[in-house]
Structures are given as structure tokens and as C-alpha cells.
Amino acid sequence: MSAPDGIGELLVAADPAGSESPPADPRHRPPRRGRRRKGFVAAVVAGALVLVCASGAMAYFSYRISLDEKIERIEDPFADLDPADRPDPAPVEGAAAPVNILALGSDSRISAGDPNAWEFGAQRTDAILLLHLSADRKSAAVISIPRDSWVNIPGYGEAKINAAFSYGGPSLMIQTVEDLTGVRIDHFAVSDFESFTTLTDTLGGVEITVPDGAGGSVRQAMTGDEALEFTRERYALANGDFGRVQRQQAWMRAIAAKATEDRGDLLKMSRFLEAAVGSVAVDEGFTMDKMLELAVSAKDLSTGDIAFMTVPYAGTGRSEDGQSIVLLDRAGFDPLMQAVAKDELPAFLAAHPDAMDQLPDVVE
């Protein structure tokens, strides 16, 4: 499927799941509370803001303030991290730096819809996505880390990676991902996947390319509810949760494509922006001005320049206490993350075209 050219966007979504019960006693200080939050739907917001800016500086200024006030913020999740223990930022060449956003998602607002209302053991995030925007603003990536990946969680030992949010909230989740990947996280966000139904419907629906049953493919039009049902299917898919992740990424890609197609319709884009900011939950440092700055710098990025992939994994297994887990393929995982950390991902993907589990044009 060829993607239309347009404004650069980054998107986030969720991967529903269940989880085992956490330990009874917390060993990590919970994050400080802040204003109530709903969830995160990343970033088409940033790209679409360019359209508003084009309609006039004064009008945009007022609109930007209105939108910024509607975004709920997560109180600084980086404040509790020791700078000495964090990965180094990627080297900066030129005027811009690469940007890495850790995005979490859930199929339920109960588990991830209010990160500032975190309680030990009460929440697990069902999707973990690393969003990478290159320093030259010519490429981006949405990288899914399976929620059941068996990793080391600082202070807790080995556990499923989605337990980090349950044990220590946003700060421990960031620390866990940085320790695992060696990639420095610049911003943090949370969402519930149902928010995408509203975004889809404000665009008048989306089209997702699926098999036609005769060996070919067809572009299937879907409303928000239909797309949500499509992405929630798991048991009928040959590769289960991994297939569902691909369906969710296909929905993200379709939203990005439709948003760029409709970018000249300012009324539709304003409605889209209103819906998007009503779903956005980001760290307090990720202001609307920073989103706009990213959008302007990435204005030539198209959906075809965004790579969607799942990190290399070696299959599934069982932990010593009987949990069903995903085993990461560190031989493939570590070089991938080194490429992200060094902002060399396009060259790495070009050199290893068959090694990464990238989103195909047609999704089962």
C-alpha cells in the first residue's frame, strides 16, 4: 500500500491484555499526583497544528492556547530518575536532535487512563511503544515492545515489562525501558485505545488493506467502532497477540494517511485536533509549542517515511512461576536499539531488511 505524502505524524495506540497479580508490598515510591488524565493518542496532533498555523498567526495563537489548556499533563515523570544512570542522548548533528517518546496504552481506561492516580498493583499497561523521530526529520519509527516481554525491572528482578507501570508508575516504566534498550526517553505518554474511535470518526472513517479471501487484497473502509473491533480480534489470528499488534499499527497508519489526505480541510482538521487533544496525556514538558516545533521541523515527513515494527522476539515460554511470557531475541533486539540510540535506524533497516518484524502492506 502506498502512503500519501503529507505532514509528519507519530501515533500511539494500545494492545489489550490481562496480567498476573503483582507482589503484595511495593518497593518503589509512587509518582507524585497531578491533575486527572484520560489518555494519550500521540501526535498527529503535532502535525495537524501546522495546518492551523497556516490559517493565520493571530487565529492560530488563540487556538493554540485553547488546545494547550485541554491537554491533561502528567507531572514530571523524569524527576525521580538519576541522571547518572540514564543513557546518553544521541549525538546532535545540525540544528535538531532526535526525539524518543515512550507511549503506553491500554484497552481500558481503568488500567492506564489516569496515570496520576497510580496505585501499586492496580494498573498494567497493555501496549509499550517507542516512537523515534530522526534528527534530520526524514524518518520516524513506531516500535512495539510486547507487553509480556520478560525483562529486568529495577528493584523487582525479572517480570513482564508491563508490570513496571504497575509497580512504580511512569517513572519506573521509563527507567525499565531505558535500562532495557539503552535509548534515552525524551517524553512520556499514556492512552486508551478507544480514543482512536473518535479520531477515526472525525476523519469520516479510514481504509485498512486486508486479504480479500482469494489471494489478493482489498482496501476496507471502517468506522471507528469497526476498526476497534478489527484490532481487538486475537483468537482467530494465527499469531495471536503479535497479529493484533500489527492490526493496531495498521489502524494507526490508516489514521495518519487519512489525516494527511484531508489536511486541506481546515474544518475537519480543527475537529480532529479537538478530538485528539481530548485524548492526549503527556509529560508536562511536552507542551503544545514543542509539538508544533516538531511538526514544523518534520513537515516534509510522509506516512511512507514511518516504519512500524515489533522488536525481535524468540517466541513464547513460561517463567519459573508459570507465567506465559515473551522471550526477546537479544541478538536482534540489541543492534536494533543501538541503531535507535545512535539515530541510525534507516541505515540499519536497509542493511537488515528481513531481520525486523515490520508492518506489511496487507494485514491479516
Protein backbone atom coordinates (compact mmCIF):
# COMPACT_ATOMS: atom_id res chain seq x y z
CA MET A 1 0.00 0.00 0.00
CA SER A 2 1.44 3.35 -0.97
CA ALA A 3 1.07 6.09 1.61
CA PRO A 4 0.17 9.64 0.61
CA ASP A 5 2.69 12.40 1.12
CA GLY A 6 1.92 14.89 3.84
CA ILE A 7 2.75 16.28 7.24
CA GLY A 8 4.81 14.07 9.55
CA GLU A 9 2.90 12.35 12.34
CA LEU A 10 3.65 9.96 15.16
CA LEU A 11 0.84 7.83 16.53
CA VAL A 12 0.27 5.74 19.62
CA ALA A 13 -2.16 3.04 20.45
CA ALA A 14 -2.84 0.16 22.77
CA ASP A 15 -2.51 -3.60 22.89
CA PRO A 16 -5.13 -5.12 25.23
CA ALA A 17 -4.15 -7.89 27.62
CA GLY A 18 -4.50 -9.47 31.01
CA SER A 19 -1.81 -9.93 33.63
CA GLU A 20 -0.89 -11.74 36.76
CA SER A 21 -1.13 -10.19 40.21
CA PRO A 22 1.87 -8.09 41.36
CA PRO A 23 3.78 -8.56 44.60
CA ALA A 24 1.99 -7.51 47.74
CA ASP A 25 4.50 -4.96 49.02
CA PRO A 26 5.71 -2.01 46.98
CA ARG A 27 9.40 -1.22 46.85
CA HIS A 28 9.27 1.78 44.59
CA ARG A 29 7.96 5.20 45.55
CA PRO A 30 4.78 6.04 43.63
CA PRO A 31 4.80 9.07 41.35
CA ARG A 32 3.60 12.40 42.62
CA ARG A 33 -0.02 13.12 41.89
CA GLY A 34 -1.11 15.79 39.47
CA ARG A 35 -4.17 16.74 37.50
CA ARG A 36 -6.54 13.97 36.42
CA ARG A 37 -5.81 12.47 32.99
CA LYS A 38 -7.56 10.46 30.43
CA GLY A 39 -5.09 9.01 27.98
CA PHE A 40 -2.69 9.54 25.14
CA VAL A 41 -3.12 9.47 21.46
CA ALA A 42 0.16 10.70 20.13
CA ALA A 43 0.90 13.13 17.69
CA VAL A 44 -0.98 13.55 14.59
CA VAL A 45 -1.85 16.47 16.82
CA ALA A 46 1.60 17.94 16.27
CA GLY A 47 1.47 17.54 12.51
CA ALA A 48 -2.02 18.89 12.10
CA LEU A 49 -1.17 22.01 14.09
CA VAL A 50 0.80 23.20 11.07
CA LEU A 51 -2.50 23.49 9.21
CA VAL A 52 -3.95 25.71 11.89
CA CYS A 53 -0.85 27.88 11.80
CA ALA A 54 -1.33 28.36 8.07
CA SER A 55 -4.77 29.87 8.61
CA GLY A 56 -3.29 32.97 10.24
CA ALA A 57 -0.92 33.81 13.05
CA MET A 58 -3.41 35.56 15.33
CA ALA A 59 -6.11 32.93 14.86
CA TYR A 60 -3.58 30.18 15.47
CA PHE A 61 -2.24 31.85 18.61
CA SER A 62 -5.69 31.87 20.21
CA TYR A 63 -6.43 28.35 19.04
CA ARG A 64 -3.09 27.06 20.32
CA ILE A 65 -3.80 28.40 23.79
CA SER A 66 -7.24 26.77 23.73
CA LEU A 67 -5.81 23.42 22.66
CA ASP A 68 -2.94 23.56 25.14
CA GLU A 69 -5.37 24.12 28.01
CA LYS A 70 -7.28 20.98 27.04
CA ILE A 71 -4.27 18.68 27.18
CA GLU A 72 -4.02 16.97 30.54
CA ARG A 73 -0.50 16.67 31.89
CA ILE A 74 1.42 14.02 33.76
CA GLU A 75 3.57 15.60 36.45
CA ASP A 76 7.24 15.27 35.55
CA PRO A 77 7.94 11.50 35.43
CA PHE A 78 11.65 12.14 34.84
CA ALA A 79 12.24 14.00 38.12
CA ASP A 80 12.85 10.82 40.12
CA LEU A 81 15.39 9.38 37.67
CA ASP A 82 19.09 9.60 38.48
CA PRO A 83 20.76 11.38 35.52
CA ALA A 84 23.94 9.37 36.08
CA ASP A 85 22.07 6.12 35.46
CA ARG A 86 20.31 7.24 32.28
CA PRO A 87 21.52 6.56 28.71
CA ASP A 88 23.37 9.37 26.99
CA PRO A 89 21.35 11.39 24.45
CA ALA A 90 22.04 10.66 20.80
CA PRO A 91 24.75 12.87 19.30
CA VAL A 92 23.30 16.03 17.75
CA GLU A 93 24.35 16.92 14.24
CA GLY A 94 22.96 20.14 12.85
CA ALA A 95 20.17 22.21 14.38
CA ALA A 96 17.87 19.42 15.58
CA ALA A 97 18.13 16.41 17.87
CA PRO A 98 16.38 13.05 17.54
CA VAL A 99 13.29 12.60 19.71
CA ASN A 100 12.22 9.43 21.53
CA ILE A 101 8.75 9.15 23.08
CA LEU A 102 7.69 6.25 25.30
CA ALA A 103 3.98 5.69 24.73
CA LEU A 104 1.84 3.35 26.82
CA GLY A 105 -1.65 2.20 26.09
CA SER A 106 -4.48 0.14 27.47
CA ASP A 107 -7.74 -1.30 26.25
CA SER A 108 -9.28 0.00 29.47
CA ARG A 109 -9.31 3.49 30.95
CA ILE A 110 -9.24 1.79 34.36
CA SER A 111 -5.72 0.45 33.93
CA ALA A 112 -4.00 3.28 32.12
CA GLY A 113 -6.43 6.13 31.72
CA ASP A 114 -5.32 8.10 34.76
CA PRO A 115 -1.57 7.73 35.34
CA ASN A 116 -1.53 10.39 38.03
CA ALA A 117 -3.97 8.25 40.04
CA TRP A 118 -1.47 5.39 40.05
CA GLU A 119 -1.81 2.82 42.83
CA PHE A 120 0.60 -0.03 43.45
CA GLY A 121 -0.58 -3.19 41.71
CA ALA A 122 -3.73 -1.60 40.29
CA GLN A 123 -2.59 -0.80 36.75
CA ARG A 124 -0.85 -2.62 33.96
CA THR A 125 -0.23 -1.07 30.58
CA ASP A 126 -1.08 -3.30 27.67
CA ALA A 127 0.99 -1.61 24.96
CA ILE A 128 4.52 -0.29 25.08
CA LEU A 129 5.65 1.67 22.05
CA LEU A 130 8.89 3.51 21.42
CA LEU A 131 8.38 6.38 18.97
CA HIS A 132 11.54 7.62 17.28
CA LEU A 133 11.88 10.76 15.15
CA SER A 134 15.25 11.17 13.44
CA ALA A 135 17.32 14.30 13.86
CA ASP A 136 17.13 15.10 10.15
CA ARG A 137 13.32 14.71 10.30
CA LYS A 138 13.37 12.42 7.26
CA SER A 139 12.25 9.25 9.04
CA ALA A 140 10.31 8.03 12.04
CA ALA A 141 9.51 4.69 13.64
CA VAL A 142 6.82 3.17 15.83
CA ILE A 143 8.38 0.21 17.64
CA SER A 144 6.21 -2.12 19.70
CA ILE A 145 7.64 -3.98 22.70
CA PRO A 146 5.36 -6.92 23.58
CA ARG A 147 3.70 -6.37 26.94
CA ASP A 148 4.68 -9.87 28.15
CA SER A 149 8.39 -9.43 27.39
CA TRP A 150 10.41 -10.96 30.25
CA VAL A 151 12.83 -8.28 31.43
CA ASN A 152 14.59 -6.96 34.50
CA ILE A 153 12.60 -4.34 36.41
CA PRO A 154 14.85 -2.25 38.67
CA GLY A 155 14.18 -3.14 42.30
CA TYR A 156 11.98 -6.12 41.44
CA GLY A 157 14.01 -8.52 39.33
CA GLU A 158 12.63 -10.35 36.33
CA ALA A 159 8.99 -9.80 35.39
CA LYS A 160 6.77 -8.92 32.46
CA ILE A 161 7.67 -5.47 31.23
CA ASN A 162 4.13 -4.15 31.66
CA ALA A 163 4.44 -4.83 35.40
CA ALA A 164 6.83 -1.87 35.68
CA PHE A 165 3.95 0.58 35.39
CA SER A 166 2.03 -1.38 38.00
CA TYR A 167 4.95 -1.49 40.43
CA GLY A 168 6.25 2.06 40.07
CA GLY A 169 4.13 4.16 37.75
CA PRO A 170 5.51 6.27 34.89
CA SER A 171 8.98 6.80 36.40
CA LEU A 172 9.74 3.10 36.85
CA MET A 173 8.34 2.35 33.41
CA ILE A 174 10.73 4.87 31.84
CA GLN A 175 13.66 3.54 33.87
CA THR A 176 12.86 -0.05 32.87
CA VAL A 177 12.68 0.76 29.15
CA GLU A 178 15.84 2.87 29.24
CA ASP A 179 17.75 0.09 31.03
CA LEU A 180 16.44 -2.49 28.55
CA THR A 181 17.05 -0.55 25.36
CA GLY A 182 19.86 1.90 26.09
CA VAL A 183 17.68 4.57 24.44
CA ARG A 184 17.17 7.84 26.28
CA ILE A 185 13.47 8.74 26.55
CA ASP A 186 12.61 12.41 25.94
CA HIS A 187 8.84 12.36 26.52
CA PHE A 188 6.23 10.07 28.04
CA ALA A 189 2.56 9.46 27.18
CA VAL A 190 -0.38 7.17 28.00
CA SER A 191 -3.57 6.33 26.08
CA ASP A 192 -6.60 4.11 25.90
CA PHE A 193 -7.22 2.60 22.50
CA GLU A 194 -10.91 3.53 22.39
CA SER A 195 -9.85 7.15 21.91
CA PHE A 196 -8.94 6.19 18.36
CA THR A 197 -12.58 5.51 17.52
CA THR A 198 -13.36 9.21 17.93
CA LEU A 199 -10.31 10.24 15.90
CA THR A 200 -11.34 7.84 13.15
CA ASP A 201 -14.90 9.11 13.00
CA THR A 202 -13.86 12.78 12.89
CA LEU A 203 -11.99 11.87 9.70
CA GLY A 204 -15.06 10.15 8.24
CA GLY A 205 -13.58 6.68 8.71
CA VAL A 206 -10.37 5.08 7.45
CA GLU A 207 -9.34 2.39 4.99
CA ILE A 208 -7.23 -0.62 6.01
CA THR A 209 -5.85 -3.06 3.44
CA VAL A 210 -6.85 -6.66 4.26
CA PRO A 211 -6.88 -10.01 2.39
CA ASP A 212 -9.82 -10.46 0.02
CA GLY A 213 -10.08 -14.23 0.57
CA ALA A 214 -8.95 -15.01 -2.97
CA GLY A 215 -5.24 -14.46 -2.63
CA GLY A 216 -5.41 -10.73 -3.20
CA SER A 217 -6.23 -7.71 -1.04
CA VAL A 218 -8.86 -5.03 -0.70
CA ARG A 219 -8.98 -1.62 0.97
CA GLN A 220 -11.73 -1.97 3.55
CA ALA A 221 -13.49 1.16 4.80
CA MET A 222 -14.04 1.13 8.57
CA THR A 223 -15.73 3.38 11.09
CA GLY A 224 -14.12 3.88 14.45
CA ASP A 225 -16.16 1.10 16.07
CA GLU A 226 -15.43 -1.27 13.19
CA ALA A 227 -11.71 -0.56 13.36
CA LEU A 228 -11.72 -1.10 17.12
CA GLU A 229 -13.43 -4.47 16.67
CA PHE A 230 -10.89 -5.34 13.96
CA THR A 231 -7.97 -4.61 16.28
CA ARG A 232 -9.42 -6.42 19.28
CA GLU A 233 -9.54 -9.76 17.49
CA ARG A 234 -6.89 -12.14 18.74
CA TYR A 235 -8.07 -15.73 18.91
CA ALA A 236 -8.83 -16.06 15.18
CA LEU A 237 -5.34 -14.88 14.23
CA ALA A 238 -2.60 -17.40 13.55
CA ASN A 239 -0.04 -15.40 15.53
CA GLY A 240 -2.38 -14.24 18.31
CA ASP A 241 -1.26 -11.13 20.17
CA PHE A 242 1.51 -10.42 17.68
CA GLY A 243 -1.09 -10.32 14.90
CA ARG A 244 -3.24 -7.99 16.93
CA VAL A 245 -0.31 -5.62 17.38
CA GLN A 246 0.03 -5.48 13.60
CA ARG A 247 -3.68 -4.74 13.22
CA GLN A 248 -3.39 -1.89 15.69
CA GLN A 249 -0.39 -0.49 13.88
CA ALA A 250 -2.30 -0.74 10.59
CA TRP A 251 -5.06 1.35 12.16
CA MET A 252 -2.51 3.94 13.27
CA ARG A 253 -1.08 4.03 9.76
CA ALA A 254 -4.56 4.44 8.27
CA ILE A 255 -5.37 7.37 10.58
CA ALA A 256 -2.10 9.06 9.64
CA ALA A 257 -2.79 8.52 5.94
CA LYS A 258 -6.35 9.88 6.15
CA ALA A 259 -5.24 12.89 8.20
CA THR A 260 -2.68 13.84 5.56
CA GLU A 261 -5.22 13.33 2.76
CA ASP A 262 -7.65 15.71 4.48
CA ARG A 263 -5.10 18.27 5.59
CA GLY A 264 -6.60 20.93 3.31
CA ASP A 265 -9.99 20.68 5.04
CA LEU A 266 -9.43 23.07 7.93
CA LEU A 267 -12.86 22.44 9.45
CA LYS A 268 -12.27 18.69 9.55
CA MET A 269 -8.76 19.20 10.87
CA SER A 270 -9.97 21.50 13.63
CA ARG A 271 -12.46 18.84 14.71
CA PHE A 272 -9.71 16.26 14.52
CA LEU A 273 -7.46 18.40 16.70
CA GLU A 274 -10.21 18.92 19.27
CA ALA A 275 -10.75 15.15 19.48
CA ALA A 276 -7.02 14.47 19.65
CA VAL A 277 -6.22 16.86 22.47
CA GLY A 278 -9.17 15.46 24.42
CA SER A 279 -7.33 12.14 24.38
CA VAL A 280 -3.80 13.36 24.97
CA ALA A 281 -1.86 12.67 28.15
CA VAL A 282 1.77 13.72 28.03
CA ASP A 283 4.52 14.72 30.44
CA GLU A 284 4.35 18.35 31.46
CA GLY A 285 7.43 19.19 29.42
CA PHE A 286 5.80 18.14 26.14
CA THR A 287 3.97 21.42 25.54
CA MET A 288 1.89 22.38 22.54
CA ASP A 289 4.71 24.69 21.45
CA LYS A 290 7.12 21.74 21.43
CA MET A 291 4.62 19.66 19.46
CA LEU A 292 4.32 22.48 16.93
CA GLU A 293 8.10 22.82 16.76
CA LEU A 294 8.38 19.11 15.97
CA ALA A 295 5.60 19.37 13.39
CA VAL A 296 7.22 22.28 11.58
CA SER A 297 10.61 20.57 11.55
CA ALA A 298 9.04 17.35 10.22
CA LYS A 299 6.59 18.96 7.80
CA ASP A 300 8.00 17.05 4.81
CA LEU A 301 7.71 13.65 6.51
CA SER A 302 5.06 11.39 4.95
CA THR A 303 3.35 8.30 6.33
CA GLY A 304 5.53 6.29 3.97
CA ASP A 305 8.55 7.51 5.94
CA ILE A 306 7.26 5.97 9.19
CA ALA A 307 8.42 2.40 9.90
CA PHE A 308 6.06 0.30 12.04
CA MET A 309 7.61 -2.76 13.63
CA THR A 310 7.71 -5.16 16.59
CA VAL A 311 11.03 -5.78 18.33
CA PRO A 312 12.75 -9.10 17.60
CA TYR A 313 11.48 -11.91 19.80
CA ALA A 314 12.44 -15.58 20.11
CA GLY A 315 8.95 -16.89 20.78
CA THR A 316 6.98 -17.50 23.93
CA GLY A 317 7.69 -19.52 27.03
CA ARG A 318 6.93 -19.94 30.72
CA SER A 319 8.55 -18.24 33.67
CA GLU A 320 9.59 -20.29 36.68
CA ASP A 321 6.36 -19.28 38.42
CA GLY A 322 4.26 -20.38 35.44
CA GLN A 323 3.52 -17.11 33.67
CA SER A 324 3.18 -17.04 29.88
CA ILE A 325 5.96 -14.75 28.67
CA VAL A 326 7.59 -13.40 25.50
CA LEU A 327 11.29 -14.11 25.10
CA LEU A 328 13.16 -11.27 23.44
CA ASP A 329 15.75 -12.14 20.79
CA ARG A 330 18.63 -10.13 22.19
CA ALA A 331 20.81 -10.95 19.17
CA GLY A 332 18.39 -8.91 17.07
CA PHE A 333 16.96 -6.64 19.75
CA ASP A 334 20.23 -5.09 20.94
CA PRO A 335 21.54 -3.99 17.50
CA LEU A 336 18.12 -2.52 16.69
CA MET A 337 18.11 -0.46 19.86
CA GLN A 338 21.71 0.62 19.31
CA ALA A 339 20.63 1.95 15.93
CA VAL A 340 17.80 3.89 17.57
CA ALA A 341 20.07 5.23 20.29
CA LYS A 342 22.62 6.40 17.72
CA ASP A 343 19.90 7.73 15.38
CA GLU A 344 20.99 5.35 12.64
CA LEU A 345 17.76 3.40 12.20
CA PRO A 346 17.11 3.88 8.43
CA ALA A 347 20.60 2.59 7.58
CA PHE A 348 20.16 -0.34 9.97
CA LEU A 349 16.79 -1.32 8.46
CA ALA A 350 18.20 -1.04 4.96
CA ALA A 351 21.07 -3.36 5.91
CA HIS A 352 18.74 -5.88 7.62
CA PRO A 353 15.52 -5.83 5.52
CA ASP A 354 14.40 -9.32 6.53
CA ALA A 355 15.53 -9.30 10.15
CA MET A 356 12.85 -6.98 11.53
CA ASP A 357 9.17 -7.78 12.00
CA GLN A 358 7.89 -4.76 10.07
CA LEU A 359 4.24 -4.00 9.37
CA PRO A 360 3.27 -5.40 5.94
CA ASP A 361 1.08 -3.58 3.41
CA VAL A 362 -1.67 -6.17 3.84
CA VAL A 363 -2.67 -7.11 7.39
CA GLU A 364 -4.31 -10.45 8.14
